[in-house]
Amino acid sequence: MFYKLSTQQLKEVLPFFKSKPKFALFANAATFEIEKRLPNHPCDFYCLEINDSKYFYVFRHDFIPDTSRPILMIGSDQSVNENDVIHGLEQIKSVEPDLGNIELLVATSALSAPGRKFFIKHFTRSEDYNVECNNFCLPLSAQAEIQKKIGGMTLPSDFSIGSTRLSDSEIVNSTWKFASPETILQTK
């Protein structure tokens, strides 16, 4: 069964996303969507329940085309079946006209491989590159050690790693060598 998650369903699945480190990006996207924190980049969340597995797809729209592009994230709570991943993408293609315009596919290798095949087959795309990206969970016990190793940077005493305070997002954005006035919107 394939369905789009309502705001209420998103609120109900949020604790699941938060409980699994591999779904950390989904938890952030869900929180931002529930709170309407990125009005220029709303997300649609989809779920495919098939063969005792759940696949989650997040399509982030882009209403600022000069600074960012649509993004798709794919996650699974079980082992991955290539045909199931593709089936979900076919369902999304029927409801998201901008699916072929995505600039970034965020998924584990097991999920991104069938995703790349799908995009090459259904859209005028070629295989560009695959950059392996690993999610990680930063335990609270490690945060103090990381803050000691920051070097010459002085952080406010109330700065918190993982914070969602606006002032902290501005600090994080200021440390990035590619930062621009527009990137603060992504950091908030």
C-alpha atoms as a PDB file:
ATOM      1  CA  MET A   1       0.000   0.000   0.000  1.00  0.00           C
ATOM      2  CA  PHE A   2       1.368   3.408  -1.032  1.00  0.00           C
ATOM      3  CA  TYR A   3       0.137   6.585   0.613  1.00  0.00           C
ATOM      4  CA  LYS A   4       1.034  10.188   1.344  1.00  0.00           C
ATOM      5  CA  LEU A   5       1.375  10.926   5.039  1.00  0.00           C
ATOM      6  CA  SER A   6      -0.933  13.578   6.442  1.00  0.00           C
ATOM      7  CA  THR A   7       0.356  16.027   9.044  1.00  0.00           C
ATOM      8  CA  GLN A   8      -1.258  13.891  11.743  1.00  0.00           C
ATOM      9  CA  GLN A   9       0.381  10.711  10.392  1.00  0.00           C
ATOM     10  CA  LEU A  10       3.690  12.569  10.226  1.00  0.00           C
ATOM     11  CA  LYS A  11       3.357  13.516  13.900  1.00  0.00           C
ATOM     12  CA  GLU A  12       2.630   9.872  14.713  1.00  0.00           C
ATOM     13  CA  VAL A  13       5.664   8.520  12.803  1.00  0.00           C
ATOM     14  CA  LEU A  14       8.040  11.207  14.135  1.00  0.00           C
ATOM     15  CA  PRO A  15       8.917   9.236  17.323  1.00  0.00           C
ATOM     16  CA  PHE A  16       9.884   6.276  15.112  1.00  0.00           C
ATOM     17  CA  PHE A  17      12.160   8.502  13.004  1.00  0.00           C
ATOM     18  CA  LYS A  18      13.709   9.973  16.155  1.00  0.00           C
ATOM     19  CA  SER A  19      14.325   6.520  17.642  1.00  0.00           C
ATOM     20  CA  LYS A  20      16.432   5.282  14.710  1.00  0.00           C
ATOM     21  CA  PRO A  21      19.742   7.001  13.902  1.00  0.00           C
ATOM     22  CA  LYS A  22      19.418   5.999  10.243  1.00  0.00           C
ATOM     23  CA  PHE A  23      16.225   8.095  10.092  1.00  0.00           C
ATOM     24  CA  ALA A  24      17.759  11.223  11.685  1.00  0.00           C
ATOM     25  CA  LEU A  25      17.403  13.245   8.468  1.00  0.00           C
ATOM     26  CA  PHE A  26      13.778  12.121   8.192  1.00  0.00           C
ATOM     27  CA  ALA A  27      13.149  13.254  11.783  1.00  0.00           C
ATOM     28  CA  ASN A  28      14.614  16.682  11.006  1.00  0.00           C
ATOM     29  CA  ALA A  29      12.614  17.024   7.809  1.00  0.00           C
ATOM     30  CA  ALA A  30       9.415  15.916   9.572  1.00  0.00           C
ATOM     31  CA  THR A  31       9.963  18.372  12.427  1.00  0.00           C
ATOM     32  CA  PHE A  32      10.617  21.210   9.987  1.00  0.00           C
ATOM     33  CA  GLU A  33       7.521  20.277   7.972  1.00  0.00           C
ATOM     34  CA  ILE A  34       5.248  20.030  11.013  1.00  0.00           C
ATOM     35  CA  GLU A  35       6.526  23.392  12.270  1.00  0.00           C
ATOM     36  CA  LYS A  36       6.434  24.905   8.735  1.00  0.00           C
ATOM     37  CA  ARG A  37       9.995  26.154   9.235  1.00  0.00           C
ATOM     38  CA  LEU A  38      11.038  26.016   5.564  1.00  0.00           C
ATOM     39  CA  PRO A  39       8.117  27.531   3.635  1.00  0.00           C
ATOM     40  CA  ASN A  40      10.170  27.686   0.419  1.00  0.00           C
ATOM     41  CA  HIS A  41      11.072  23.999   0.722  1.00  0.00           C
ATOM     42  CA  PRO A  42       8.008  22.063   1.868  1.00  0.00           C
ATOM     43  CA  CYS A  43       8.309  18.289   2.043  1.00  0.00           C
ATOM     44  CA  ASP A  44       5.851  15.603   1.053  1.00  0.00           C
ATOM     45  CA  PHE A  45       6.246  12.333   2.932  1.00  0.00           C
ATOM     46  CA  TYR A  46       5.195   9.042   1.377  1.00  0.00           C
ATOM     47  CA  CYS A  47       5.147   5.503   2.694  1.00  0.00           C
ATOM     48  CA  LEU A  48       5.115   2.214   0.820  1.00  0.00           C
ATOM     49  CA  GLU A  49       4.132  -0.815   2.886  1.00  0.00           C
ATOM     50  CA  ILE A  50       4.970  -3.946   0.936  1.00  0.00           C
ATOM     51  CA  ASN A  51       6.335  -7.436   1.638  1.00  0.00           C
ATOM     52  CA  ASP A  52       6.559  -6.833   5.416  1.00  0.00           C
ATOM     53  CA  SER A  53       8.694  -3.719   4.865  1.00  0.00           C
ATOM     54  CA  LYS A  54       8.076   0.000   5.024  1.00  0.00           C
ATOM     55  CA  TYR A  55       9.816   2.401   2.683  1.00  0.00           C
ATOM     56  CA  PHE A  56       9.683   6.108   3.403  1.00  0.00           C
ATOM     57  CA  TYR A  57      10.171   8.699   0.687  1.00  0.00           C
ATOM     58  CA  VAL A  58      10.572  12.419   1.351  1.00  0.00           C
ATOM     59  CA  PHE A  59      10.289  14.772  -1.588  1.00  0.00           C
ATOM     60  CA  ARG A  60      11.538  18.257  -0.734  1.00  0.00           C
ATOM     61  CA  HIS A  61      10.122  20.829  -3.114  1.00  0.00           C
ATOM     62  CA  ASP A  62      12.054  23.856  -4.229  1.00  0.00           C
ATOM     63  CA  PHE A  63      10.431  27.243  -4.556  1.00  0.00           C
ATOM     64  CA  ILE A  64      13.792  29.092  -4.788  1.00  0.00           C
ATOM     65  CA  PRO A  65      15.234  27.628  -7.998  1.00  0.00           C
ATOM     66  CA  ASP A  66      18.358  29.779  -8.076  1.00  0.00           C
ATOM     67  CA  THR A  67      19.688  28.594  -4.703  1.00  0.00           C
ATOM     68  CA  SER A  68      18.636  24.983  -4.308  1.00  0.00           C
ATOM     69  CA  ARG A  69      17.012  22.098  -6.137  1.00  0.00           C
ATOM     70  CA  PRO A  70      14.449  19.450  -5.206  1.00  0.00           C
ATOM     71  CA  ILE A  71      15.754  16.626  -3.019  1.00  0.00           C
ATOM     72  CA  LEU A  72      14.514  13.071  -2.536  1.00  0.00           C
ATOM     73  CA  MET A  73      15.287  10.923   0.503  1.00  0.00           C
ATOM     74  CA  ILE A  74      14.534   7.212   0.694  1.00  0.00           C
ATOM     75  CA  GLY A  75      14.669   5.094   3.843  1.00  0.00           C
ATOM     76  CA  SER A  76      13.616   1.585   4.826  1.00  0.00           C
ATOM     77  CA  ASP A  77      12.947  -0.091   8.145  1.00  0.00           C
ATOM     78  CA  GLN A  78      13.867  -3.563   6.851  1.00  0.00           C
ATOM     79  CA  SER A  79      16.028  -5.185   4.209  1.00  0.00           C
ATOM     80  CA  VAL A  80      15.711  -3.661   0.763  1.00  0.00           C
ATOM     81  CA  ASN A  81      14.051  -5.184  -2.274  1.00  0.00           C
ATOM     82  CA  GLU A  82      15.037  -3.360  -5.472  1.00  0.00           C
ATOM     83  CA  ASN A  83      11.632  -3.892  -7.116  1.00  0.00           C
ATOM     84  CA  ASP A  84       9.857  -2.450  -4.074  1.00  0.00           C
ATOM     85  CA  VAL A  85      12.025   0.688  -4.138  1.00  0.00           C
ATOM     86  CA  ILE A  86      11.286   1.180  -7.829  1.00  0.00           C
ATOM     87  CA  HIS A  87       7.558   0.554  -7.277  1.00  0.00           C
ATOM     88  CA  GLY A  88       7.525   3.387  -4.715  1.00  0.00           C
ATOM     89  CA  LEU A  89       9.359   5.697  -7.111  1.00  0.00           C
ATOM     90  CA  GLU A  90       6.834   4.898  -9.843  1.00  0.00           C
ATOM     91  CA  GLN A  91       4.039   5.888  -7.449  1.00  0.00           C
ATOM     92  CA  ILE A  92       5.772   9.158  -6.601  1.00  0.00           C
ATOM     93  CA  LYS A  93       6.353   9.877 -10.299  1.00  0.00           C
ATOM     94  CA  SER A  94       2.590   9.785 -10.801  1.00  0.00           C
ATOM     95  CA  VAL A  95       1.992  12.501  -8.162  1.00  0.00           C
ATOM     96  CA  GLU A  96       5.170  14.640  -8.137  1.00  0.00           C
ATOM     97  CA  PRO A  97       5.701  16.363 -11.509  1.00  0.00           C
ATOM     98  CA  ASP A  98       9.132  17.670 -10.438  1.00  0.00           C
ATOM     99  CA  LEU A  99      10.525  14.244  -9.539  1.00  0.00           C
ATOM    100  CA  GLY A 100      12.731  14.215 -12.631  1.00  0.00           C
ATOM    101  CA  ASN A 101      14.317  17.504 -11.537  1.00  0.00           C
ATOM    102  CA  ILE A 102      15.827  16.307  -8.282  1.00  0.00           C
ATOM    103  CA  GLU A 103      19.424  17.287  -7.781  1.00  0.00           C
ATOM    104  CA  LEU A 104      20.142  15.110  -4.785  1.00  0.00           C
ATOM    105  CA  LEU A 105      19.078  11.597  -3.840  1.00  0.00           C
ATOM    106  CA  VAL A 106      19.803  10.863  -0.184  1.00  0.00           C
ATOM    107  CA  ALA A 107      19.698   7.153   0.578  1.00  0.00           C
ATOM    108  CA  THR A 108      21.831   4.233   1.647  1.00  0.00           C
ATOM    109  CA  SER A 109      23.647   2.391  -1.141  1.00  0.00           C
ATOM    110  CA  ALA A 110      21.045  -0.389  -1.111  1.00  0.00           C
ATOM    111  CA  LEU A 111      18.304   2.172  -1.734  1.00  0.00           C
ATOM    112  CA  SER A 112      20.182   4.562  -4.011  1.00  0.00           C
ATOM    113  CA  ALA A 113      21.272   1.889  -6.536  1.00  0.00           C
ATOM    114  CA  PRO A 114      17.701   1.082  -7.669  1.00  0.00           C
ATOM    115  CA  GLY A 115      16.879   4.789  -7.380  1.00  0.00           C
ATOM    116  CA  ARG A 116      19.652   5.719  -9.794  1.00  0.00           C
ATOM    117  CA  LYS A 117      18.486   2.994 -12.220  1.00  0.00           C
ATOM    118  CA  PHE A 118      14.961   4.398 -12.046  1.00  0.00           C
ATOM    119  CA  PHE A 119      16.069   7.977 -12.772  1.00  0.00           C
ATOM    120  CA  ILE A 120      18.275   6.952 -15.691  1.00  0.00           C
ATOM    121  CA  LYS A 121      15.462   4.864 -17.196  1.00  0.00           C
ATOM    122  CA  HIS A 122      12.569   7.313 -16.722  1.00  0.00           C
ATOM    123  CA  PHE A 123      14.207  10.710 -17.138  1.00  0.00           C
ATOM    124  CA  THR A 124      16.821  12.116 -19.491  1.00  0.00           C
ATOM    125  CA  ARG A 125      19.616  11.642 -17.013  1.00  0.00           C
ATOM    126  CA  SER A 126      22.974  10.035 -17.084  1.00  0.00           C
ATOM    127  CA  GLU A 127      24.854   8.501 -14.196  1.00  0.00           C
ATOM    128  CA  ASP A 128      26.791  11.360 -12.693  1.00  0.00           C
ATOM    129  CA  TYR A 129      28.423  10.083  -9.558  1.00  0.00           C
ATOM    130  CA  ASN A 130      27.595   8.432  -6.298  1.00  0.00           C
ATOM    131  CA  VAL A 131      29.050   9.977  -3.185  1.00  0.00           C
ATOM    132  CA  GLU A 132      28.819   7.642  -0.258  1.00  0.00           C
ATOM    133  CA  CYS A 133      27.291   9.368   2.704  1.00  0.00           C
ATOM    134  CA  ASN A 134      27.132   7.841   6.137  1.00  0.00           C
ATOM    135  CA  ASN A 135      24.684   8.962   8.784  1.00  0.00           C
ATOM    136  CA  PHE A 136      26.011   8.982  12.271  1.00  0.00           C
ATOM    137  CA  CYS A 137      24.648   9.485  15.737  1.00  0.00           C
ATOM    138  CA  LEU A 138      26.627  11.736  18.043  1.00  0.00           C
ATOM    139  CA  PRO A 139      26.249  10.557  21.648  1.00  0.00           C
ATOM    140  CA  LEU A 140      25.938  13.272  24.258  1.00  0.00           C
ATOM    141  CA  SER A 141      29.083  11.957  25.928  1.00  0.00           C
ATOM    142  CA  ALA A 142      31.142  12.856  22.826  1.00  0.00           C
ATOM    143  CA  GLN A 143      29.924  16.431  22.471  1.00  0.00           C
ATOM    144  CA  ALA A 144      32.181  17.908  25.161  1.00  0.00           C
ATOM    145  CA  GLU A 145      35.261  16.273  23.594  1.00  0.00           C
ATOM    146  CA  ILE A 146      34.377  17.667  20.164  1.00  0.00           C
ATOM    147  CA  GLN A 147      33.888  21.140  21.573  1.00  0.00           C
ATOM    148  CA  LYS A 148      37.409  20.932  23.103  1.00  0.00           C
ATOM    149  CA  LYS A 149      38.893  20.079  19.686  1.00  0.00           C
ATOM    150  CA  ILE A 150      37.284  22.965  17.818  1.00  0.00           C
ATOM    151  CA  GLY A 151      40.538  24.887  17.916  1.00  0.00           C
ATOM    152  CA  GLY A 152      40.701  28.645  17.870  1.00  0.00           C
ATOM    153  CA  MET A 153      36.965  29.075  17.560  1.00  0.00           C
ATOM    154  CA  THR A 154      35.183  30.501  20.584  1.00  0.00           C
ATOM    155  CA  LEU A 155      31.605  29.411  20.986  1.00  0.00           C
ATOM    156  CA  PRO A 156      29.008  31.056  23.200  1.00  0.00           C
ATOM    157  CA  SER A 157      28.727  29.309  26.571  1.00  0.00           C
ATOM    158  CA  ASP A 158      25.124  28.356  25.844  1.00  0.00           C
ATOM    159  CA  PHE A 159      25.893  26.878  22.382  1.00  0.00           C
ATOM    160  CA  SER A 160      24.596  23.341  22.006  1.00  0.00           C
ATOM    161  CA  ILE A 161      25.566  20.800  19.327  1.00  0.00           C
ATOM    162  CA  GLY A 162      22.346  19.735  17.638  1.00  0.00           C
ATOM    163  CA  SER A 163      20.541  22.902  18.716  1.00  0.00           C
ATOM    164  CA  THR A 164      17.752  24.331  16.603  1.00  0.00           C
ATOM    165  CA  ARG A 165      18.030  27.855  18.007  1.00  0.00           C
ATOM    166  CA  LEU A 166      18.338  30.509  15.306  1.00  0.00           C
ATOM    167  CA  SER A 167      21.437  32.013  16.884  1.00  0.00           C
ATOM    168  CA  ASP A 168      23.171  28.613  16.878  1.00  0.00           C
ATOM    169  CA  SER A 169      22.269  28.026  13.223  1.00  0.00           C
ATOM    170  CA  GLU A 170      23.920  31.344  12.369  1.00  0.00           C
ATOM    171  CA  ILE A 171      27.081  30.245  14.211  1.00  0.00           C
ATOM    172  CA  VAL A 172      27.151  26.922  12.345  1.00  0.00           C
ATOM    173  CA  ASN A 173      26.558  28.654   8.997  1.00  0.00           C
ATOM    174  CA  SER A 174      29.388  31.108   9.671  1.00  0.00           C
ATOM    175  CA  THR A 175      31.885  28.234   9.989  1.00  0.00           C
ATOM    176  CA  TRP A 176      31.154  26.841   6.513  1.00  0.00           C
ATOM    177  CA  LYS A 177      33.530  28.051   3.805  1.00  0.00           C
ATOM    178  CA  PHE A 178      30.756  27.881   1.161  1.00  0.00           C
ATOM    179  CA  ALA A 179      28.236  29.842   3.249  1.00  0.00           C
ATOM    180  CA  SER A 180      26.122  32.521   1.653  1.00  0.00           C
ATOM    181  CA  PRO A 181      23.151  34.555   2.861  1.00  0.00           C
ATOM    182  CA  GLU A 182      20.844  31.928   1.332  1.00  0.00           C
ATOM    183  CA  THR A 183      22.440  28.942   3.089  1.00  0.00           C
ATOM    184  CA  ILE A 184      21.307  30.189   6.485  1.00  0.00           C
ATOM    185  CA  LEU A 185      17.800  29.109   5.404  1.00  0.00           C
ATOM    186  CA  GLN A 186      19.041  25.532   5.157  1.00  0.00           C
ATOM    187  CA  THR A 187      20.827  25.673   8.506  1.00  0.00           C
ATOM    188  CA  LYS A 188      17.868  27.077  10.470  1.00  0.00           C
END
